[in-house]
Amino acid sequence: MTTATPIRTTTLAEIAASWAPTASVADAAAASGYSKAHLYRAISRGECPFRTIQVGGKIRIITASLVRVLSGEAA
């Protein structure tokens, strides 16, 4: 019999304390419960709940904005 490995969730305190100033869309999606595809669509429509910046050709999520939104505040 095989036992499943529990899924580890990241807390807001861990995100605020240990994440870089910007996060990948994949990391932000995982932390917020969105799928990566849904978050990319929201970004492209200008409806992303988090502040974003473009660095080179990559979209990054502002970590402080992610923490604020997930804690119930405005981005």
PDB file of N, CA and C in Angstrom:
ATOM      1  N   MET A   1       0.839  -1.179   0.000  1.00  0.00           N
ATOM      2  CA  MET A   1       0.000   0.000   0.000  1.00  0.00           C
ATOM      3  C   MET A   1       0.887   1.247   0.000  1.00  0.00           C
ATOM      4  N   THR A   2       0.528   2.185  -0.840  1.00  0.00           N
ATOM      5  CA  THR A   2       1.295   3.418  -0.963  1.00  0.00           C
ATOM      6  C   THR A   2       0.546   4.545  -0.280  1.00  0.00           C
ATOM      7  N   THR A   3       1.276   5.373   0.427  1.00  0.00           N
ATOM      8  CA  THR A   3       0.649   6.541   1.046  1.00  0.00           C
ATOM      9  C   THR A   3       0.994   7.766   0.227  1.00  0.00           C
ATOM     10  N   ALA A   4       0.048   8.635   0.090  1.00  0.00           N
ATOM     11  CA  ALA A   4       0.254   9.854  -0.683  1.00  0.00           C
ATOM     12  C   ALA A   4       1.074  10.849   0.119  1.00  0.00           C
ATOM     13  N   THR A   5       1.909  11.563  -0.575  1.00  0.00           N
ATOM     14  CA  THR A   5       2.681  12.624   0.057  1.00  0.00           C
ATOM     15  C   THR A   5       1.774  13.835   0.226  1.00  0.00           C
ATOM     16  N   PRO A   6       1.685  14.387   1.415  1.00  0.00           N
ATOM     17  CA  PRO A   6       0.809  15.550   1.606  1.00  0.00           C
ATOM     18  C   PRO A   6       1.313  16.746   0.800  1.00  0.00           C
ATOM     19  N   ILE A   7       0.369  17.509   0.284  1.00  0.00           N
ATOM     20  CA  ILE A   7       0.710  18.721  -0.468  1.00  0.00           C
ATOM     21  C   ILE A   7       1.057  19.813   0.527  1.00  0.00           C
ATOM     22  N   ARG A   8       2.210  20.427   0.338  1.00  0.00           N
ATOM     23  CA  ARG A   8       2.641  21.497   1.236  1.00  0.00           C
ATOM     24  C   ARG A   8       2.170  22.831   0.673  1.00  0.00           C
ATOM     25  N   THR A   9       1.481  23.578   1.494  1.00  0.00           N
ATOM     26  CA  THR A   9       1.044  24.911   1.076  1.00  0.00           C
ATOM     27  C   THR A   9       1.965  25.957   1.672  1.00  0.00           C
ATOM     28  N   THR A  10       2.094  27.040   0.968  1.00  0.00           N
ATOM     29  CA  THR A  10       2.922  28.143   1.423  1.00  0.00           C
ATOM     30  C   THR A  10       2.044  29.154   2.149  1.00  0.00           C
ATOM     31  N   THR A  11       2.471  29.599   3.305  1.00  0.00           N
ATOM     32  CA  THR A  11       1.690  30.576   4.057  1.00  0.00           C
ATOM     33  C   THR A  11       2.025  31.989   3.594  1.00  0.00           C
ATOM     34  N   LEU A  12       1.145  32.918   3.895  1.00  0.00           N
ATOM     35  CA  LEU A  12       1.408  34.319   3.555  1.00  0.00           C
ATOM     36  C   LEU A  12       2.663  34.826   4.253  1.00  0.00           C
ATOM     37  N   ALA A  13       2.870  34.405   5.487  1.00  0.00           N
ATOM     38  CA  ALA A  13       4.065  34.839   6.223  1.00  0.00           C
ATOM     39  C   ALA A  13       5.329  34.346   5.526  1.00  0.00           C
ATOM     40  N   GLU A  14       5.297  33.112   5.026  1.00  0.00           N
ATOM     41  CA  GLU A  14       6.464  32.583   4.313  1.00  0.00           C
ATOM     42  C   GLU A  14       6.702  33.329   3.011  1.00  0.00           C
ATOM     43  N   ILE A  15       5.623  33.640   2.300  1.00  0.00           N
ATOM     44  CA  ILE A  15       5.764  34.389   1.050  1.00  0.00           C
ATOM     45  C   ILE A  15       6.363  35.763   1.337  1.00  0.00           C
ATOM     46  N   ALA A  16       5.806  36.462   2.313  1.00  0.00           N
ATOM     47  CA  ALA A  16       6.274  37.808   2.637  1.00  0.00           C
ATOM     48  C   ALA A  16       7.723  37.811   3.114  1.00  0.00           C
ATOM     49  N   ALA A  17       8.115  36.781   3.850  1.00  0.00           N
ATOM     50  CA  ALA A  17       9.457  36.756   4.438  1.00  0.00           C
ATOM     51  C   ALA A  17      10.527  36.215   3.507  1.00  0.00           C
ATOM     52  N   SER A  18      10.163  35.296   2.621  1.00  0.00           N
ATOM     53  CA  SER A  18      11.230  34.609   1.896  1.00  0.00           C
ATOM     54  C   SER A  18      11.191  34.719   0.376  1.00  0.00           C
ATOM     55  N   TRP A  19      10.107  35.187  -0.202  1.00  0.00           N
ATOM     56  CA  TRP A  19      10.069  35.309  -1.653  1.00  0.00           C
ATOM     57  C   TRP A  19      10.808  36.558  -2.096  1.00  0.00           C
ATOM     58  N   ALA A  20      11.311  36.527  -3.317  1.00  0.00           N
ATOM     59  CA  ALA A  20      11.952  37.695  -3.932  1.00  0.00           C
ATOM     60  C   ALA A  20      10.899  38.783  -4.149  1.00  0.00           C
ATOM     61  N   PRO A  21      11.330  40.005  -4.465  1.00  0.00           N
ATOM     62  CA  PRO A  21      10.363  41.094  -4.680  1.00  0.00           C
ATOM     63  C   PRO A  21       9.351  40.829  -5.796  1.00  0.00           C
ATOM     64  N   THR A  22       9.736  40.000  -6.762  1.00  0.00           N
ATOM     65  CA  THR A  22       8.790  39.604  -7.800  1.00  0.00           C
ATOM     66  C   THR A  22       8.745  38.086  -7.875  1.00  0.00           C
ATOM     67  N   ALA A  23       7.599  37.578  -8.331  1.00  0.00           N
ATOM     68  CA  ALA A  23       7.393  36.133  -8.434  1.00  0.00           C
ATOM     69  C   ALA A  23       6.986  35.774  -9.850  1.00  0.00           C
ATOM     70  N   SER A  24       7.243  34.546 -10.226  1.00  0.00           N
ATOM     71  CA  SER A  24       6.792  34.067 -11.530  1.00  0.00           C
ATOM     72  C   SER A  24       5.273  33.918 -11.511  1.00  0.00           C
ATOM     73  N   VAL A  25       4.698  33.908 -12.686  1.00  0.00           N
ATOM     74  CA  VAL A  25       3.258  33.695 -12.782  1.00  0.00           C
ATOM     75  C   VAL A  25       2.905  32.318 -12.227  1.00  0.00           C
ATOM     76  N   ALA A  26       3.742  31.323 -12.499  1.00  0.00           N
ATOM     77  CA  ALA A  26       3.482  29.968 -12.000  1.00  0.00           C
ATOM     78  C   ALA A  26       3.469  29.930 -10.474  1.00  0.00           C
ATOM     79  N   ASP A  27       4.433  30.586  -9.831  1.00  0.00           N
ATOM     80  CA  ASP A  27       4.472  30.601  -8.368  1.00  0.00           C
ATOM     81  C   ASP A  27       3.283  31.359  -7.788  1.00  0.00           C
ATOM     82  N   ALA A  28       2.949  32.503  -8.398  1.00  0.00           N
ATOM     83  CA  ALA A  28       1.809  33.282  -7.915  1.00  0.00           C
ATOM     84  C   ALA A  28       0.515  32.503  -8.091  1.00  0.00           C
ATOM     85  N   ALA A  29       0.394  31.793  -9.202  1.00  0.00           N
ATOM     86  CA  ALA A  29      -0.806  30.986  -9.434  1.00  0.00           C
ATOM     87  C   ALA A  29      -0.922  29.895  -8.384  1.00  0.00           C
ATOM     88  N   ALA A  30       0.172  29.208  -8.110  1.00  0.00           N
ATOM     89  CA  ALA A  30       0.153  28.136  -7.114  1.00  0.00           C
ATOM     90  C   ALA A  30      -0.202  28.665  -5.729  1.00  0.00           C
ATOM     91  N   ALA A  31       0.341  29.814  -5.372  1.00  0.00           N
ATOM     92  CA  ALA A  31       0.088  30.379  -4.044  1.00  0.00           C
ATOM     93  C   ALA A  31      -1.344  30.887  -3.900  1.00  0.00           C
ATOM     94  N   SER A  32      -1.934  31.330  -5.001  1.00  0.00           N
ATOM     95  CA  SER A  32      -3.258  31.947  -4.925  1.00  0.00           C
ATOM     96  C   SER A  32      -4.404  31.001  -5.262  1.00  0.00           C
ATOM     97  N   GLY A  33      -4.075  29.826  -5.799  1.00  0.00           N
ATOM     98  CA  GLY A  33      -5.129  28.891  -6.152  1.00  0.00           C
ATOM     99  C   GLY A  33      -5.641  29.030  -7.567  1.00  0.00           C
ATOM    100  N   TYR A  34      -5.094  29.957  -8.330  1.00  0.00           N
ATOM    101  CA  TYR A  34      -5.444  30.091  -9.741  1.00  0.00           C
ATOM    102  C   TYR A  34      -4.643  29.069 -10.542  1.00  0.00           C
ATOM    103  N   SER A  35      -5.145  28.713 -11.720  1.00  0.00           N
ATOM    104  CA  SER A  35      -4.304  27.954 -12.634  1.00  0.00           C
ATOM    105  C   SER A  35      -3.390  28.959 -13.332  1.00  0.00           C
ATOM    106  N   LYS A  36      -2.268  28.481 -13.807  1.00  0.00           N
ATOM    107  CA  LYS A  36      -1.328  29.354 -14.514  1.00  0.00           C
ATOM    108  C   LYS A  36      -2.000  29.945 -15.765  1.00  0.00           C
ATOM    109  N   ALA A  37      -2.752  29.132 -16.484  1.00  0.00           N
ATOM    110  CA  ALA A  37      -3.432  29.598 -17.700  1.00  0.00           C
ATOM    111  C   ALA A  37      -4.450  30.695 -17.378  1.00  0.00           C
ATOM    112  N   HIS A  38      -5.219  30.494 -16.300  1.00  0.00           N
ATOM    113  CA  HIS A  38      -6.215  31.504 -15.904  1.00  0.00           C
ATOM    114  C   HIS A  38      -5.530  32.826 -15.560  1.00  0.00           C
ATOM    115  N   LEU A  39      -4.421  32.756 -14.835  1.00  0.00           N
ATOM    116  CA  LEU A  39      -3.729  33.977 -14.444  1.00  0.00           C
ATOM    117  C   LEU A  39      -3.151  34.685 -15.663  1.00  0.00           C
ATOM    118  N   TYR A  40      -2.582  33.947 -16.603  1.00  0.00           N
ATOM    119  CA  TYR A  40      -2.078  34.569 -17.839  1.00  0.00           C
ATOM    120  C   TYR A  40      -3.212  35.231 -18.621  1.00  0.00           C
ATOM    121  N   ARG A  41      -4.383  34.586 -18.687  1.00  0.00           N
ATOM    122  CA  ARG A  41      -5.526  35.199 -19.385  1.00  0.00           C
ATOM    123  C   ARG A  41      -5.959  36.474 -18.679  1.00  0.00           C
ATOM    124  N   ALA A  42      -6.016  36.452 -17.357  1.00  0.00           N
ATOM    125  CA  ALA A  42      -6.398  37.648 -16.600  1.00  0.00           C
ATOM    126  C   ALA A  42      -5.403  38.781 -16.840  1.00  0.00           C
ATOM    127  N   ILE A  43      -4.123  38.448 -16.895  1.00  0.00           N
ATOM    128  CA  ILE A  43      -3.088  39.464 -17.159  1.00  0.00           C
ATOM    129  C   ILE A  43      -3.297  40.057 -18.542  1.00  0.00           C
ATOM    130  N   SER A  44      -3.528  39.214 -19.528  1.00  0.00           N
ATOM    131  CA  SER A  44      -3.679  39.708 -20.905  1.00  0.00           C
ATOM    132  C   SER A  44      -4.916  40.579 -21.077  1.00  0.00           C
ATOM    133  N   ARG A  45      -5.953  40.344 -20.265  1.00  0.00           N
ATOM    134  CA  ARG A  45      -7.173  41.161 -20.311  1.00  0.00           C
ATOM    135  C   ARG A  45      -7.096  42.383 -19.405  1.00  0.00           C
ATOM    136  N   GLY A  46      -6.005  42.515 -18.662  1.00  0.00           N
ATOM    137  CA  GLY A  46      -5.901  43.633 -17.727  1.00  0.00           C
ATOM    138  C   GLY A  46      -6.727  43.433 -16.478  1.00  0.00           C
ATOM    139  N   GLU A  47      -7.051  42.181 -16.140  1.00  0.00           N
ATOM    140  CA  GLU A  47      -7.919  41.873 -15.009  1.00  0.00           C
ATOM    141  C   GLU A  47      -7.207  41.113 -13.890  1.00  0.00           C
ATOM    142  N   CYS A  48      -5.905  41.090 -13.918  1.00  0.00           N
ATOM    143  CA  CYS A  48      -5.151  40.366 -12.896  1.00  0.00           C
ATOM    144  C   CYS A  48      -5.330  41.059 -11.546  1.00  0.00           C
ATOM    145  N   PRO A  49      -5.617  40.298 -10.504  1.00  0.00           N
ATOM    146  CA  PRO A  49      -5.811  40.918  -9.196  1.00  0.00           C
ATOM    147  C   PRO A  49      -4.507  41.404  -8.554  1.00  0.00           C
ATOM    148  N   PHE A  50      -3.370  41.023  -9.127  1.00  0.00           N
ATOM    149  CA  PHE A  50      -2.063  41.392  -8.587  1.00  0.00           C
ATOM    150  C   PHE A  50      -1.366  42.362  -9.525  1.00  0.00           C
ATOM    151  N   ARG A  51      -0.526  43.223  -8.959  1.00  0.00           N
ATOM    152  CA  ARG A  51       0.279  44.118  -9.787  1.00  0.00           C
ATOM    153  C   ARG A  51       1.326  43.303 -10.529  1.00  0.00           C
ATOM    154  N   THR A  52       1.540  43.654 -11.786  1.00  0.00           N
ATOM    155  CA  THR A  52       2.505  42.937 -12.615  1.00  0.00           C
ATOM    156  C   THR A  52       3.481  43.913 -13.253  1.00  0.00           C
ATOM    157  N   ILE A  53       4.636  43.394 -13.621  1.00  0.00           N
ATOM    158  CA  ILE A  53       5.596  44.149 -14.425  1.00  0.00           C
ATOM    159  C   ILE A  53       6.129  43.198 -15.494  1.00  0.00           C
ATOM    160  N   GLN A  54       6.647  43.789 -16.555  1.00  0.00           N
ATOM    161  CA  GLN A  54       7.284  42.981 -17.583  1.00  0.00           C
ATOM    162  C   GLN A  54       8.777  43.233 -17.517  1.00  0.00           C
ATOM    163  N   VAL A  55       9.536  42.168 -17.401  1.00  0.00           N
ATOM    164  CA  VAL A  55      10.995  42.241 -17.337  1.00  0.00           C
ATOM    165  C   VAL A  55      11.502  41.463 -18.538  1.00  0.00           C
ATOM    166  N   GLY A  56      12.064  42.185 -19.495  1.00  0.00           N
ATOM    167  CA  GLY A  56      12.424  41.522 -20.742  1.00  0.00           C
ATOM    168  C   GLY A  56      11.149  41.001 -21.374  1.00  0.00           C
ATOM    169  N   GLY A  57      11.098  39.738 -21.686  1.00  0.00           N
ATOM    170  CA  GLY A  57       9.891  39.150 -22.259  1.00  0.00           C
ATOM    171  C   GLY A  57       9.046  38.416 -21.248  1.00  0.00           C
ATOM    172  N   LYS A  58       9.385  38.515 -19.973  1.00  0.00           N
ATOM    173  CA  LYS A  58       8.671  37.757 -18.938  1.00  0.00           C
ATOM    174  C   LYS A  58       7.784  38.662 -18.092  1.00  0.00           C
ATOM    175  N   ILE A  59       6.643  38.129 -17.729  1.00  0.00           N
ATOM    176  CA  ILE A  59       5.733  38.838 -16.829  1.00  0.00           C
ATOM    177  C   ILE A  59       6.047  38.367 -15.414  1.00  0.00           C
ATOM    178  N   ARG A  60       6.164  39.319 -14.494  1.00  0.00           N
ATOM    179  CA  ARG A  60       6.440  39.010 -13.087  1.00  0.00           C
ATOM    180  C   ARG A  60       5.329  39.612 -12.236  1.00  0.00           C
ATOM    181  N   ILE A  61       5.027  38.955 -11.143  1.00  0.00           N
ATOM    182  CA  ILE A  61       4.023  39.423 -10.186  1.00  0.00           C
ATOM    183  C   ILE A  61       4.753  40.101  -9.031  1.00  0.00           C
ATOM    184  N   ILE A  62       4.287  41.277  -8.634  1.00  0.00           N
ATOM    185  CA  ILE A  62       4.865  41.976  -7.490  1.00  0.00           C
ATOM    186  C   ILE A  62       4.452  41.213  -6.221  1.00  0.00           C
ATOM    187  N   THR A  63       5.423  40.695  -5.509  1.00  0.00           N
ATOM    188  CA  THR A  63       5.149  39.846  -4.345  1.00  0.00           C
ATOM    189  C   THR A  63       4.343  40.577  -3.279  1.00  0.00           C
ATOM    190  N   ALA A  64       4.676  41.835  -3.018  1.00  0.00           N
ATOM    191  CA  ALA A  64       3.932  42.594  -2.001  1.00  0.00           C
ATOM    192  C   ALA A  64       2.460  42.709  -2.386  1.00  0.00           C
ATOM    193  N   SER A  65       2.175  42.866  -3.673  1.00  0.00           N
ATOM    194  CA  SER A  65       0.799  42.938  -4.147  1.00  0.00           C
ATOM    195  C   SER A  65       0.090  41.597  -3.948  1.00  0.00           C
ATOM    196  N   LEU A  66       0.786  40.521  -4.246  1.00  0.00           N
ATOM    197  CA  LEU A  66       0.239  39.185  -4.044  1.00  0.00           C
ATOM    198  C   LEU A  66      -0.142  38.972  -2.580  1.00  0.00           C
ATOM    199  N   VAL A  67       0.746  39.339  -1.679  1.00  0.00           N
ATOM    200  CA  VAL A  67       0.488  39.180  -0.251  1.00  0.00           C
ATOM    201  C   VAL A  67      -0.692  40.034   0.179  1.00  0.00           C
ATOM    202  N   ARG A  68      -0.751  41.289  -0.285  1.00  0.00           N
ATOM    203  CA  ARG A  68      -1.866  42.170   0.092  1.00  0.00           C
ATOM    204  C   ARG A  68      -3.201  41.601  -0.375  1.00  0.00           C
ATOM    205  N   VAL A  69      -3.262  41.157  -1.626  1.00  0.00           N
ATOM    206  CA  VAL A  69      -4.529  40.643  -2.148  1.00  0.00           C
ATOM    207  C   VAL A  69      -4.938  39.373  -1.409  1.00  0.00           C
ATOM    208  N   LEU A  70      -3.994  38.478  -1.191  1.00  0.00           N
ATOM    209  CA  LEU A  70      -4.330  37.225  -0.504  1.00  0.00           C
ATOM    210  C   LEU A  70      -4.720  37.439   0.950  1.00  0.00           C
ATOM    211  N   SER A  71      -4.292  38.560   1.531  1.00  0.00           N
ATOM    212  CA  SER A  71      -4.679  38.844   2.913  1.00  0.00           C
ATOM    213  C   SER A  71      -5.945  39.696   2.989  1.00  0.00           C
ATOM    214  N   GLY A  72      -6.557  39.955   1.836  1.00  0.00           N
ATOM    215  CA  GLY A  72      -7.851  40.654   1.808  1.00  0.00           C
ATOM    216  C   GLY A  72      -7.771  42.138   1.557  1.00  0.00           C
ATOM    217  N   GLU A  73      -6.603  42.672   1.310  1.00  0.00           N
ATOM    218  CA  GLU A  73      -6.456  44.103   1.023  1.00  0.00           C
ATOM    219  C   GLU A  73      -6.479  44.340  -0.472  1.00  0.00           C
ATOM    220  N   ALA A  74      -6.529  45.600  -0.882  1.00  0.00           N
ATOM    221  CA  ALA A  74      -6.463  45.950  -2.298  1.00  0.00           C
ATOM    222  C   ALA A  74      -5.028  45.830  -2.785  1.00  0.00           C
ATOM    223  N   ALA A  75      -4.875  45.526  -4.076  1.00  0.00           N
ATOM    224  CA  ALA A  75      -3.532  45.359  -4.661  1.00  0.00           C
ATOM    225  C   ALA A  75      -2.766  46.643  -4.579  1.00  0.00           C
TER     226      ALA A  75
END
